[in-house]
Amino acid sequence: MTNYGTIPTSSHPSPPIDLEYVSRAKHRIKSGAMLTAVVLVLVHAAVRRSDNLFLDEEAVAASEYSGLTSYPSS
């Protein structure tokens, strides 16, 4: 059996990680993402057009026999 050696280990411990700093950073990122989402929804609500959201009777009659809503009769 071939021995390729051992995994080297550090002789000195790594510096401690400031978990409070990481936690605050995560909170800031989440709150920024939430704020961005709310702003996008509000902008969309302000500038969207509500014209022509519903089909009139002629458009419904024309689309009944064409497109993905119709199925071939067998």
PDB file of N, CA and C in Angstrom:
ATOM      1  N   MET A   1       0.841  -1.165   0.000  1.00  0.00           N
ATOM      2  CA  MET A   1       0.000   0.000   0.000  1.00  0.00           C
ATOM      3  C   MET A   1       0.894   1.238   0.000  1.00  0.00           C
ATOM      4  N   THR A   2       0.578   2.161  -0.867  1.00  0.00           N
ATOM      5  CA  THR A   2       1.378   3.361  -0.995  1.00  0.00           C
ATOM      6  C   THR A   2       0.894   4.413  -0.014  1.00  0.00           C
ATOM      7  N   ASN A   3       1.836   5.027   0.676  1.00  0.00           N
ATOM      8  CA  ASN A   3       1.505   6.079   1.619  1.00  0.00           C
ATOM      9  C   ASN A   3       1.905   7.407   0.992  1.00  0.00           C
ATOM     10  N   TYR A   4       0.915   8.240   0.723  1.00  0.00           N
ATOM     11  CA  TYR A   4       1.190   9.523   0.102  1.00  0.00           C
ATOM     12  C   TYR A   4       1.437  10.625   1.113  1.00  0.00           C
ATOM     13  N   GLY A   5       1.461  10.325   2.334  1.00  0.00           N
ATOM     14  CA  GLY A   5       1.724  11.329   3.358  1.00  0.00           C
ATOM     15  C   GLY A   5       0.472  11.705   4.104  1.00  0.00           C
ATOM     16  N   THR A   6       0.630  12.605   4.993  1.00  0.00           N
ATOM     17  CA  THR A   6      -0.500  13.053   5.805  1.00  0.00           C
ATOM     18  C   THR A   6      -0.947  14.437   5.341  1.00  0.00           C
ATOM     19  N   ILE A   7      -2.141  14.765   5.704  1.00  0.00           N
ATOM     20  CA  ILE A   7      -2.674  16.083   5.360  1.00  0.00           C
ATOM     21  C   ILE A   7      -2.021  17.103   6.278  1.00  0.00           C
ATOM     22  N   PRO A   8      -1.429  18.152   5.706  1.00  0.00           N
ATOM     23  CA  PRO A   8      -0.766  19.140   6.553  1.00  0.00           C
ATOM     24  C   PRO A   8      -1.780  19.908   7.390  1.00  0.00           C
ATOM     25  N   THR A   9      -1.431  20.161   8.604  1.00  0.00           N
ATOM     26  CA  THR A   9      -2.282  20.955   9.491  1.00  0.00           C
ATOM     27  C   THR A   9      -1.538  22.212   9.893  1.00  0.00           C
ATOM     28  N   SER A  10      -2.310  23.219  10.223  1.00  0.00           N
ATOM     29  CA  SER A  10      -1.724  24.490  10.610  1.00  0.00           C
ATOM     30  C   SER A  10      -1.249  24.413  12.059  1.00  0.00           C
ATOM     31  N   SER A  11      -0.108  25.014  12.313  1.00  0.00           N
ATOM     32  CA  SER A  11       0.408  25.002  13.676  1.00  0.00           C
ATOM     33  C   SER A  11      -0.173  26.122  14.522  1.00  0.00           C
ATOM     34  N   HIS A  12      -0.758  27.131  13.865  1.00  0.00           N
ATOM     35  CA  HIS A  12      -1.371  28.228  14.609  1.00  0.00           C
ATOM     36  C   HIS A  12      -2.858  28.295  14.246  1.00  0.00           C
ATOM     37  N   PRO A  13      -3.710  28.630  15.188  1.00  0.00           N
ATOM     38  CA  PRO A  13      -5.150  28.669  14.903  1.00  0.00           C
ATOM     39  C   PRO A  13      -5.497  29.851  13.994  1.00  0.00           C
ATOM     40  N   SER A  14      -6.542  29.672  13.223  1.00  0.00           N
ATOM     41  CA  SER A  14      -6.990  30.758  12.348  1.00  0.00           C
ATOM     42  C   SER A  14      -7.652  31.840  13.190  1.00  0.00           C
ATOM     43  N   PRO A  15      -7.673  33.075  12.693  1.00  0.00           N
ATOM     44  CA  PRO A  15      -8.278  34.161  13.467  1.00  0.00           C
ATOM     45  C   PRO A  15      -9.778  33.921  13.620  1.00  0.00           C
ATOM     46  N   PRO A  16     -10.346  34.307  14.738  1.00  0.00           N
ATOM     47  CA  PRO A  16     -11.780  34.080  14.946  1.00  0.00           C
ATOM     48  C   PRO A  16     -12.610  34.951  14.000  1.00  0.00           C
ATOM     49  N   ILE A  17     -13.741  34.427  13.607  1.00  0.00           N
ATOM     50  CA  ILE A  17     -14.646  35.151  12.713  1.00  0.00           C
ATOM     51  C   ILE A  17     -15.651  35.911  13.570  1.00  0.00           C
ATOM     52  N   ASP A  18     -15.836  37.172  13.243  1.00  0.00           N
ATOM     53  CA  ASP A  18     -16.796  37.998  13.978  1.00  0.00           C
ATOM     54  C   ASP A  18     -18.197  37.685  13.452  1.00  0.00           C
ATOM     55  N   LEU A  19     -18.927  36.810  14.152  1.00  0.00           N
ATOM     56  CA  LEU A  19     -20.242  36.384  13.699  1.00  0.00           C
ATOM     57  C   LEU A  19     -21.269  37.501  13.746  1.00  0.00           C
ATOM     58  N   GLU A  20     -21.092  38.441  14.636  1.00  0.00           N
ATOM     59  CA  GLU A  20     -22.021  39.569  14.695  1.00  0.00           C
ATOM     60  C   GLU A  20     -21.926  40.405  13.425  1.00  0.00           C
ATOM     61  N   TYR A  21     -20.721  40.600  12.920  1.00  0.00           N
ATOM     62  CA  TYR A  21     -20.514  41.347  11.676  1.00  0.00           C
ATOM     63  C   TYR A  21     -21.196  40.629  10.517  1.00  0.00           C
ATOM     64  N   VAL A  22     -21.026  39.315  10.454  1.00  0.00           N
ATOM     65  CA  VAL A  22     -21.639  38.532   9.380  1.00  0.00           C
ATOM     66  C   VAL A  22     -23.159  38.597   9.479  1.00  0.00           C
ATOM     67  N   SER A  23     -23.682  38.510  10.681  1.00  0.00           N
ATOM     68  CA  SER A  23     -25.126  38.562  10.889  1.00  0.00           C
ATOM     69  C   SER A  23     -25.696  39.916  10.464  1.00  0.00           C
ATOM     70  N   ARG A  24     -25.006  40.995  10.838  1.00  0.00           N
ATOM     71  CA  ARG A  24     -25.469  42.325  10.431  1.00  0.00           C
ATOM     72  C   ARG A  24     -25.408  42.494   8.919  1.00  0.00           C
ATOM     73  N   ALA A  25     -24.384  41.954   8.298  1.00  0.00           N
ATOM     74  CA  ALA A  25     -24.263  42.056   6.843  1.00  0.00           C
ATOM     75  C   ALA A  25     -25.401  41.302   6.149  1.00  0.00           C
ATOM     76  N   LYS A  26     -25.731  40.113   6.636  1.00  0.00           N
ATOM     77  CA  LYS A  26     -26.840  39.354   6.074  1.00  0.00           C
ATOM     78  C   LYS A  26     -28.152  40.113   6.234  1.00  0.00           C
ATOM     79  N   HIS A  27     -28.346  40.722   7.380  1.00  0.00           N
ATOM     80  CA  HIS A  27     -29.573  41.481   7.628  1.00  0.00           C
ATOM     81  C   HIS A  27     -29.673  42.672   6.669  1.00  0.00           C
ATOM     82  N   ARG A  28     -28.566  43.357   6.453  1.00  0.00           N
ATOM     83  CA  ARG A  28     -28.575  44.505   5.529  1.00  0.00           C
ATOM     84  C   ARG A  28     -28.872  44.070   4.104  1.00  0.00           C
ATOM     85  N   ILE A  29     -28.320  42.932   3.701  1.00  0.00           N
ATOM     86  CA  ILE A  29     -28.569  42.433   2.346  1.00  0.00           C
ATOM     87  C   ILE A  29     -30.035  42.057   2.187  1.00  0.00           C
ATOM     88  N   LYS A  30     -30.594  41.363   3.183  1.00  0.00           N
ATOM     89  CA  LYS A  30     -31.994  40.966   3.113  1.00  0.00           C
ATOM     90  C   LYS A  30     -32.916  42.170   3.100  1.00  0.00           C
ATOM     91  N   SER A  31     -32.641  43.159   3.925  1.00  0.00           N
ATOM     92  CA  SER A  31     -33.509  44.331   3.964  1.00  0.00           C
ATOM     93  C   SER A  31     -33.386  45.132   2.667  1.00  0.00           C
ATOM     94  N   GLY A  32     -32.208  45.170   2.084  1.00  0.00           N
ATOM     95  CA  GLY A  32     -32.044  45.846   0.793  1.00  0.00           C
ATOM     96  C   GLY A  32     -32.781  45.125  -0.313  1.00  0.00           C
ATOM     97  N   ALA A  33     -32.764  43.798  -0.286  1.00  0.00           N
ATOM     98  CA  ALA A  33     -33.486  43.029  -1.296  1.00  0.00           C
ATOM     99  C   ALA A  33     -34.992  43.219  -1.141  1.00  0.00           C
ATOM    100  N   MET A  34     -35.454  43.251   0.085  1.00  0.00           N
ATOM    101  CA  MET A  34     -36.882  43.449   0.328  1.00  0.00           C
ATOM    102  C   MET A  34     -37.311  44.839  -0.120  1.00  0.00           C
ATOM    103  N   LEU A  35     -36.512  45.837   0.167  1.00  0.00           N
ATOM    104  CA  LEU A  35     -36.829  47.200  -0.250  1.00  0.00           C
ATOM    105  C   LEU A  35     -36.867  47.292  -1.769  1.00  0.00           C
ATOM    106  N   THR A  36     -35.917  46.663  -2.438  1.00  0.00           N
ATOM    107  CA  THR A  36     -35.892  46.664  -3.897  1.00  0.00           C
ATOM    108  C   THR A  36     -37.140  46.002  -4.463  1.00  0.00           C
ATOM    109  N   ALA A  37     -37.554  44.888  -3.890  1.00  0.00           N
ATOM    110  CA  ALA A  37     -38.746  44.194  -4.367  1.00  0.00           C
ATOM    111  C   ALA A  37     -39.992  45.054  -4.188  1.00  0.00           C
ATOM    112  N   VAL A  38     -40.109  45.706  -3.044  1.00  0.00           N
ATOM    113  CA  VAL A  38     -41.275  46.560  -2.792  1.00  0.00           C
ATOM    114  C   VAL A  38     -41.296  47.732  -3.766  1.00  0.00           C
ATOM    115  N   VAL A  39     -40.155  48.333  -4.013  1.00  0.00           N
ATOM    116  CA  VAL A  39     -40.091  49.457  -4.956  1.00  0.00           C
ATOM    117  C   VAL A  39     -40.479  48.995  -6.354  1.00  0.00           C
ATOM    118  N   LEU A  40     -39.998  47.831  -6.786  1.00  0.00           N
ATOM    119  CA  LEU A  40     -40.351  47.327  -8.115  1.00  0.00           C
ATOM    120  C   LEU A  40     -41.846  47.061  -8.242  1.00  0.00           C
ATOM    121  N   VAL A  41     -42.452  46.503  -7.217  1.00  0.00           N
ATOM    122  CA  VAL A  41     -43.892  46.238  -7.260  1.00  0.00           C
ATOM    123  C   VAL A  41     -44.668  47.551  -7.314  1.00  0.00           C
ATOM    124  N   LEU A  42     -44.252  48.526  -6.536  1.00  0.00           N
ATOM    125  CA  LEU A  42     -44.953  49.815  -6.549  1.00  0.00           C
ATOM    126  C   LEU A  42     -44.798  50.545  -7.878  1.00  0.00           C
ATOM    127  N   VAL A  43     -43.619  50.488  -8.459  1.00  0.00           N
ATOM    128  CA  VAL A  43     -43.406  51.125  -9.765  1.00  0.00           C
ATOM    129  C   VAL A  43     -44.259  50.432 -10.821  1.00  0.00           C
ATOM    130  N   HIS A  44     -44.295  49.110 -10.780  1.00  0.00           N
ATOM    131  CA  HIS A  44     -45.111  48.378 -11.742  1.00  0.00           C
ATOM    132  C   HIS A  44     -46.588  48.728 -11.577  1.00  0.00           C
ATOM    133  N   ALA A  45     -47.055  48.828 -10.345  1.00  0.00           N
ATOM    134  CA  ALA A  45     -48.450  49.171 -10.106  1.00  0.00           C
ATOM    135  C   ALA A  45     -48.765  50.583 -10.593  1.00  0.00           C
ATOM    136  N   ALA A  46     -47.804  51.470 -10.529  1.00  0.00           N
ATOM    137  CA  ALA A  46     -48.037  52.857 -10.935  1.00  0.00           C
ATOM    138  C   ALA A  46     -48.043  53.019 -12.452  1.00  0.00           C
ATOM    139  N   VAL A  47     -47.240  52.240 -13.168  1.00  0.00           N
ATOM    140  CA  VAL A  47     -47.097  52.480 -14.607  1.00  0.00           C
ATOM    141  C   VAL A  47     -47.787  51.439 -15.481  1.00  0.00           C
ATOM    142  N   ARG A  48     -48.369  50.410 -14.881  1.00  0.00           N
ATOM    143  CA  ARG A  48     -49.005  49.397 -15.726  1.00  0.00           C
ATOM    144  C   ARG A  48     -50.245  49.976 -16.386  1.00  0.00           C
ATOM    145  N   ARG A  49     -50.560  49.424 -17.528  1.00  0.00           N
ATOM    146  CA  ARG A  49     -51.739  49.878 -18.256  1.00  0.00           C
ATOM    147  C   ARG A  49     -52.865  48.895 -18.000  1.00  0.00           C
ATOM    148  N   SER A  50     -54.002  49.387 -17.641  1.00  0.00           N
ATOM    149  CA  SER A  50     -55.139  48.520 -17.391  1.00  0.00           C
ATOM    150  C   SER A  50     -56.083  48.452 -18.579  1.00  0.00           C
ATOM    151  N   ASP A  51     -55.722  49.090 -19.687  1.00  0.00           N
ATOM    152  CA  ASP A  51     -56.542  49.036 -20.891  1.00  0.00           C
ATOM    153  C   ASP A  51     -56.432  47.653 -21.526  1.00  0.00           C
ATOM    154  N   ASN A  52     -57.500  47.198 -22.087  1.00  0.00           N
ATOM    155  CA  ASN A  52     -57.542  45.956 -22.860  1.00  0.00           C
ATOM    156  C   ASN A  52     -57.145  44.729 -22.051  1.00  0.00           C
ATOM    157  N   LEU A  53     -57.468  44.703 -20.775  1.00  0.00           N
ATOM    158  CA  LEU A  53     -57.180  43.506 -19.995  1.00  0.00           C
ATOM    159  C   LEU A  53     -58.219  42.426 -20.234  1.00  0.00           C
ATOM    160  N   PHE A  54     -59.410  42.804 -20.666  1.00  0.00           N
ATOM    161  CA  PHE A  54     -60.486  41.859 -20.896  1.00  0.00           C
ATOM    162  C   PHE A  54     -60.811  41.810 -22.379  1.00  0.00           C
ATOM    163  N   LEU A  55     -61.182  40.639 -22.842  1.00  0.00           N
ATOM    164  CA  LEU A  55     -61.568  40.477 -24.237  1.00  0.00           C
ATOM    165  C   LEU A  55     -63.035  40.827 -24.402  1.00  0.00           C
ATOM    166  N   ASP A  56     -63.350  41.443 -25.538  1.00  0.00           N
ATOM    167  CA  ASP A  56     -64.748  41.685 -25.813  1.00  0.00           C
ATOM    168  C   ASP A  56     -65.358  40.428 -26.440  1.00  0.00           C
ATOM    169  N   GLU A  57     -66.656  40.433 -26.699  1.00  0.00           N
ATOM    170  CA  GLU A  57     -67.343  39.227 -27.166  1.00  0.00           C
ATOM    171  C   GLU A  57     -66.826  38.751 -28.521  1.00  0.00           C
ATOM    172  N   GLU A  58     -66.504  39.676 -29.399  1.00  0.00           N
ATOM    173  CA  GLU A  58     -66.011  39.281 -30.723  1.00  0.00           C
ATOM    174  C   GLU A  58     -64.645  38.600 -30.618  1.00  0.00           C
ATOM    175  N   ALA A  59     -63.793  39.113 -29.742  1.00  0.00           N
ATOM    176  CA  ALA A  59     -62.464  38.518 -29.578  1.00  0.00           C
ATOM    177  C   ALA A  59     -62.564  37.125 -28.963  1.00  0.00           C
ATOM    178  N   VAL A  60     -63.502  36.930 -28.048  1.00  0.00           N
ATOM    179  CA  VAL A  60     -63.684  35.614 -27.445  1.00  0.00           C
ATOM    180  C   VAL A  60     -64.194  34.635 -28.489  1.00  0.00           C
ATOM    181  N   ALA A  61     -65.143  35.062 -29.294  1.00  0.00           N
ATOM    182  CA  ALA A  61     -65.702  34.193 -30.331  1.00  0.00           C
ATOM    183  C   ALA A  61     -64.633  33.817 -31.352  1.00  0.00           C
ATOM    184  N   ALA A  62     -63.754  34.754 -31.689  1.00  0.00           N
ATOM    185  CA  ALA A  62     -62.698  34.473 -32.663  1.00  0.00           C
ATOM    186  C   ALA A  62     -61.639  33.549 -32.087  1.00  0.00           C
ATOM    187  N   SER A  63     -61.387  33.636 -30.789  1.00  0.00           N
ATOM    188  CA  SER A  63     -60.328  32.821 -30.208  1.00  0.00           C
ATOM    189  C   SER A  63     -60.803  31.434 -29.802  1.00  0.00           C
ATOM    190  N   GLU A  64     -62.124  31.193 -29.808  1.00  0.00           N
ATOM    191  CA  GLU A  64     -62.623  29.883 -29.419  1.00  0.00           C
ATOM    192  C   GLU A  64     -62.227  28.797 -30.413  1.00  0.00           C
ATOM    193  N   TYR A  65     -62.080  29.170 -31.647  1.00  0.00           N
ATOM    194  CA  TYR A  65     -61.813  28.182 -32.689  1.00  0.00           C
ATOM    195  C   TYR A  65     -60.386  28.239 -33.203  1.00  0.00           C
ATOM    196  N   SER A  66     -59.525  28.962 -32.537  1.00  0.00           N
ATOM    197  CA  SER A  66     -58.132  29.026 -32.959  1.00  0.00           C
ATOM    198  C   SER A  66     -57.236  29.110 -31.728  1.00  0.00           C
ATOM    199  N   GLY A  67     -55.990  28.777 -31.904  1.00  0.00           N
ATOM    200  CA  GLY A  67     -55.037  28.903 -30.817  1.00  0.00           C
ATOM    201  C   GLY A  67     -54.948  27.652 -29.969  1.00  0.00           C
ATOM    202  N   LEU A  68     -54.363  27.800 -28.793  1.00  0.00           N
ATOM    203  CA  LEU A  68     -54.120  26.660 -27.917  1.00  0.00           C
ATOM    204  C   LEU A  68     -55.352  26.209 -27.156  1.00  0.00           C
ATOM    205  N   THR A  69     -56.393  27.034 -27.137  1.00  0.00           N
ATOM    206  CA  THR A  69     -57.577  26.667 -26.357  1.00  0.00           C
ATOM    207  C   THR A  69     -58.461  25.681 -27.099  1.00  0.00           C
ATOM    208  N   SER A  70     -58.264  25.505 -28.389  1.00  0.00           N
ATOM    209  CA  SER A  70     -59.111  24.577 -29.131  1.00  0.00           C
ATOM    210  C   SER A  70     -58.438  23.216 -29.240  1.00  0.00           C
ATOM    211  N   TYR A  71     -59.257  22.193 -29.184  1.00  0.00           N
ATOM    212  CA  TYR A  71     -58.763  20.831 -29.309  1.00  0.00           C
ATOM    213  C   TYR A  71     -59.400  20.204 -30.537  1.00  0.00           C
ATOM    214  N   PRO A  72     -58.639  19.438 -31.277  1.00  0.00           N
ATOM    215  CA  PRO A  72     -59.246  18.810 -32.448  1.00  0.00           C
ATOM    216  C   PRO A  72     -60.286  17.774 -32.025  1.00  0.00           C
ATOM    217  N   SER A  73     -61.398  17.769 -32.703  1.00  0.00           N
ATOM    218  CA  SER A  73     -62.423  16.776 -32.371  1.00  0.00           C
ATOM    219  C   SER A  73     -62.053  15.465 -33.009  1.00  0.00           C
ATOM    220  N   SER A  74     -62.268  14.388 -32.273  1.00  0.00           N
ATOM    221  CA  SER A  74     -61.911  13.080 -32.826  1.00  0.00           C
ATOM    222  C   SER A  74     -63.102  12.168 -32.890  1.00  0.00           C
TER     223      SER A  74
END
